[in-house]
Amino acid sequence: MTQDEINQVEWSNDDNWTRLKWMGLYFSKKDSRAWVPKPYPILGWTVNLANPGGVLSLSSIIALLMLISGLVGYNLAP
């Protein structure tokens, strides 16, 4: 079985998704992808929270948003 096939099987497994599937929280150590499509394509993509690259990218996005909001708040302060 190739890694692409493993990724597809893991993505299709309902046990790897949170109970509220529309939220798109995904956990699979066997899936090599950091970003995966959500079960409902109109909702976009989500992070594989069992993949170190996925956790790193999500943490980076959150840190960047916090930095930007902090800089904006600092510049707007009297």
N, C-alpha and C. Protein backbone atom coordinates (compact mmCIF):
# COMPACT_ATOMS: atom_id res chain seq x y z
N MET A 1 0.85 -1.18 0.00
CA MET A 1 0.00 0.00 0.00
C MET A 1 0.89 1.24 0.00
N THR A 2 0.62 2.18 -0.90
CA THR A 2 1.42 3.40 -0.99
C THR A 2 0.98 4.40 0.08
N GLN A 3 1.80 5.42 0.30
CA GLN A 3 1.46 6.44 1.29
C GLN A 3 0.20 7.20 0.88
N ASP A 4 0.01 7.43 -0.42
CA ASP A 4 -1.21 8.11 -0.87
C ASP A 4 -2.45 7.29 -0.53
N GLU A 5 -2.36 5.98 -0.68
CA GLU A 5 -3.49 5.11 -0.34
C GLU A 5 -3.74 5.12 1.17
N ILE A 6 -2.66 5.09 1.95
CA ILE A 6 -2.79 5.15 3.41
C ILE A 6 -3.45 6.46 3.81
N ASN A 7 -3.00 7.57 3.20
CA ASN A 7 -3.59 8.88 3.50
C ASN A 7 -5.09 8.89 3.22
N GLN A 8 -5.50 8.30 2.09
CA GLN A 8 -6.91 8.28 1.73
C GLN A 8 -7.72 7.42 2.70
N VAL A 9 -7.17 6.27 3.09
CA VAL A 9 -7.88 5.40 4.04
C VAL A 9 -8.02 6.11 5.38
N GLU A 10 -6.96 6.75 5.85
CA GLU A 10 -7.00 7.46 7.13
C GLU A 10 -7.99 8.63 7.07
N TRP A 11 -7.98 9.36 5.97
CA TRP A 11 -8.88 10.50 5.81
C TRP A 11 -10.34 10.04 5.80
N SER A 12 -10.60 8.88 5.23
CA SER A 12 -11.96 8.34 5.14
C SER A 12 -12.45 7.74 6.46
N ASN A 13 -11.55 7.46 7.38
CA ASN A 13 -11.90 6.84 8.66
C ASN A 13 -12.54 7.88 9.59
N ASP A 14 -13.79 7.66 9.94
CA ASP A 14 -14.50 8.61 10.81
C ASP A 14 -13.88 8.74 12.20
N ASP A 15 -13.13 7.72 12.65
CA ASP A 15 -12.50 7.79 13.97
C ASP A 15 -11.40 8.85 14.04
N ASN A 16 -10.90 9.30 12.89
CA ASN A 16 -9.84 10.32 12.87
C ASN A 16 -10.38 11.74 12.88
N TRP A 17 -11.68 11.88 12.85
CA TRP A 17 -12.32 13.20 12.86
C TRP A 17 -13.05 13.39 14.18
N THR A 18 -13.20 14.65 14.58
CA THR A 18 -13.98 14.93 15.79
C THR A 18 -15.44 14.57 15.55
N ARG A 19 -16.19 14.49 16.61
CA ARG A 19 -17.60 14.12 16.50
C ARG A 19 -18.35 15.10 15.60
N LEU A 20 -18.07 16.38 15.73
CA LEU A 20 -18.69 17.39 14.87
C LEU A 20 -17.83 17.53 13.62
N LYS A 21 -18.12 16.70 12.63
CA LYS A 21 -17.26 16.60 11.45
C LYS A 21 -17.15 17.92 10.69
N TRP A 22 -18.17 18.76 10.74
CA TRP A 22 -18.13 20.03 10.01
C TRP A 22 -17.06 20.96 10.56
N MET A 23 -16.68 20.76 11.84
CA MET A 23 -15.61 21.59 12.41
C MET A 23 -14.27 21.25 11.78
N GLY A 24 -14.11 20.01 11.36
CA GLY A 24 -12.91 19.61 10.64
C GLY A 24 -11.67 19.43 11.48
N LEU A 25 -11.79 18.99 12.73
CA LEU A 25 -10.60 18.69 13.52
C LEU A 25 -10.18 17.26 13.21
N TYR A 26 -8.96 17.10 12.74
CA TYR A 26 -8.48 15.83 12.21
C TYR A 26 -7.20 15.41 12.92
N PHE A 27 -7.11 14.13 13.33
CA PHE A 27 -5.95 13.58 14.01
C PHE A 27 -5.61 12.23 13.40
N SER A 28 -4.47 12.12 12.72
CA SER A 28 -4.03 10.83 12.20
C SER A 28 -2.51 10.81 12.08
N LYS A 29 -1.87 9.95 12.88
CA LYS A 29 -0.41 9.82 12.81
C LYS A 29 0.04 9.11 11.55
N LYS A 30 -0.81 8.28 10.97
CA LYS A 30 -0.45 7.54 9.77
C LYS A 30 -0.53 8.39 8.51
N ASP A 31 -1.31 9.47 8.55
CA ASP A 31 -1.46 10.36 7.40
C ASP A 31 -0.26 11.30 7.36
N SER A 32 0.46 11.31 6.25
CA SER A 32 1.69 12.09 6.15
C SER A 32 1.46 13.56 5.87
N ARG A 33 0.23 13.94 5.56
CA ARG A 33 -0.05 15.33 5.18
C ARG A 33 -0.25 16.21 6.42
N ALA A 34 0.27 17.43 6.35
CA ALA A 34 0.06 18.39 7.43
C ALA A 34 -1.29 19.08 7.26
N TRP A 35 -1.70 19.33 6.02
CA TRP A 35 -2.98 19.95 5.70
C TRP A 35 -3.80 18.96 4.90
N VAL A 36 -5.06 18.79 5.27
CA VAL A 36 -5.96 17.87 4.57
C VAL A 36 -7.27 18.59 4.24
N PRO A 37 -7.94 18.16 3.17
CA PRO A 37 -9.25 18.76 2.88
C PRO A 37 -10.28 18.32 3.92
N LYS A 38 -11.20 19.21 4.24
CA LYS A 38 -12.26 18.87 5.17
C LYS A 38 -13.23 17.90 4.49
N PRO A 39 -14.03 17.18 5.27
CA PRO A 39 -14.97 16.22 4.67
C PRO A 39 -15.98 16.90 3.75
N TYR A 40 -16.30 18.14 4.00
CA TYR A 40 -17.20 18.92 3.15
C TYR A 40 -16.35 19.96 2.43
N PRO A 41 -16.04 19.72 1.15
CA PRO A 41 -15.07 20.55 0.43
C PRO A 41 -15.37 22.05 0.45
N ILE A 42 -16.62 22.44 0.56
CA ILE A 42 -16.95 23.86 0.56
C ILE A 42 -16.36 24.56 1.79
N LEU A 43 -16.04 23.79 2.85
CA LEU A 43 -15.49 24.37 4.08
C LEU A 43 -13.97 24.52 4.05
N GLY A 44 -13.31 24.06 2.99
CA GLY A 44 -11.87 24.27 2.83
C GLY A 44 -11.00 23.15 3.37
N TRP A 45 -9.88 23.55 4.00
CA TRP A 45 -8.86 22.63 4.48
C TRP A 45 -8.72 22.74 5.99
N THR A 46 -8.10 21.73 6.58
CA THR A 46 -7.84 21.74 8.02
C THR A 46 -6.45 21.17 8.28
N VAL A 47 -5.99 21.32 9.50
CA VAL A 47 -4.67 20.85 9.90
C VAL A 47 -4.78 19.46 10.49
N ASN A 48 -3.81 18.61 10.15
CA ASN A 48 -3.70 17.30 10.79
C ASN A 48 -2.96 17.51 12.10
N LEU A 49 -3.69 17.49 13.20
CA LEU A 49 -3.11 17.80 14.50
C LEU A 49 -2.25 16.69 15.08
N ALA A 50 -2.14 15.56 14.39
CA ALA A 50 -1.25 14.49 14.82
C ALA A 50 0.07 14.53 14.05
N ASN A 51 0.19 15.47 13.13
CA ASN A 51 1.39 15.62 12.32
C ASN A 51 2.19 16.81 12.86
N PRO A 52 3.48 16.64 13.17
CA PRO A 52 4.27 17.76 13.72
C PRO A 52 4.27 19.00 12.81
N GLY A 53 4.27 18.80 11.51
CA GLY A 53 4.22 19.93 10.59
C GLY A 53 2.91 20.68 10.67
N GLY A 54 1.83 19.96 10.88
CA GLY A 54 0.52 20.58 11.02
C GLY A 54 0.43 21.41 12.28
N VAL A 55 0.92 20.85 13.38
CA VAL A 55 0.91 21.58 14.65
C VAL A 55 1.80 22.81 14.57
N LEU A 56 2.97 22.68 13.94
CA LEU A 56 3.88 23.81 13.79
C LEU A 56 3.26 24.92 12.95
N SER A 57 2.61 24.56 11.85
CA SER A 57 2.01 25.58 10.99
C SER A 57 0.85 26.26 11.70
N LEU A 58 0.02 25.51 12.41
CA LEU A 58 -1.09 26.12 13.14
C LEU A 58 -0.56 27.04 14.24
N SER A 59 0.47 26.61 14.96
CA SER A 59 1.07 27.44 16.01
C SER A 59 1.67 28.71 15.42
N SER A 60 2.29 28.60 14.26
CA SER A 60 2.88 29.77 13.60
C SER A 60 1.82 30.77 13.19
N ILE A 61 0.71 30.28 12.67
CA ILE A 61 -0.39 31.18 12.27
C ILE A 61 -0.95 31.90 13.48
N ILE A 62 -1.16 31.18 14.57
CA ILE A 62 -1.68 31.80 15.80
C ILE A 62 -0.70 32.83 16.34
N ALA A 63 0.60 32.49 16.36
CA ALA A 63 1.61 33.44 16.86
C ALA A 63 1.66 34.69 15.99
N LEU A 64 1.57 34.52 14.68
CA LEU A 64 1.59 35.67 13.77
C LEU A 64 0.38 36.57 14.00
N LEU A 65 -0.79 35.98 14.17
CA LEU A 65 -1.99 36.77 14.44
C LEU A 65 -1.89 37.51 15.76
N MET A 66 -1.31 36.86 16.77
CA MET A 66 -1.13 37.53 18.06
C MET A 66 -0.13 38.69 17.94
N LEU A 67 0.93 38.48 17.18
CA LEU A 67 1.92 39.54 16.97
C LEU A 67 1.30 40.73 16.26
N ILE A 68 0.56 40.48 15.21
CA ILE A 68 -0.07 41.55 14.45
C ILE A 68 -1.07 42.31 15.32
N SER A 69 -1.91 41.58 16.08
CA SER A 69 -2.89 42.26 16.91
C SER A 69 -2.20 43.05 18.03
N GLY A 70 -1.09 42.53 18.55
CA GLY A 70 -0.34 43.26 19.56
C GLY A 70 0.27 44.54 19.02
N LEU A 71 0.82 44.47 17.80
CA LEU A 71 1.40 45.67 17.18
C LEU A 71 0.34 46.70 16.86
N VAL A 72 -0.79 46.25 16.37
CA VAL A 72 -1.89 47.19 16.07
C VAL A 72 -2.39 47.82 17.36
N GLY A 73 -2.59 47.01 18.40
CA GLY A 73 -3.04 47.54 19.68
C GLY A 73 -2.05 48.51 20.29
N TYR A 74 -0.76 48.24 20.16
CA TYR A 74 0.28 49.12 20.70
C TYR A 74 0.28 50.45 19.96
N ASN A 75 0.11 50.42 18.65
CA ASN A 75 0.12 51.65 17.85
C ASN A 75 -1.16 52.45 18.01
N LEU A 76 -2.24 51.84 18.43
CA LEU A 76 -3.51 52.57 18.63
C LEU A 76 -3.63 53.10 20.05
N ALA A 77 -2.78 52.65 20.97
CA ALA A 77 -2.85 53.09 22.36
C ALA A 77 -2.47 54.57 22.44
N PRO A 78 -3.14 55.32 23.31
CA PRO A 78 -2.86 56.77 23.43
C PRO A 78 -1.48 57.05 23.99
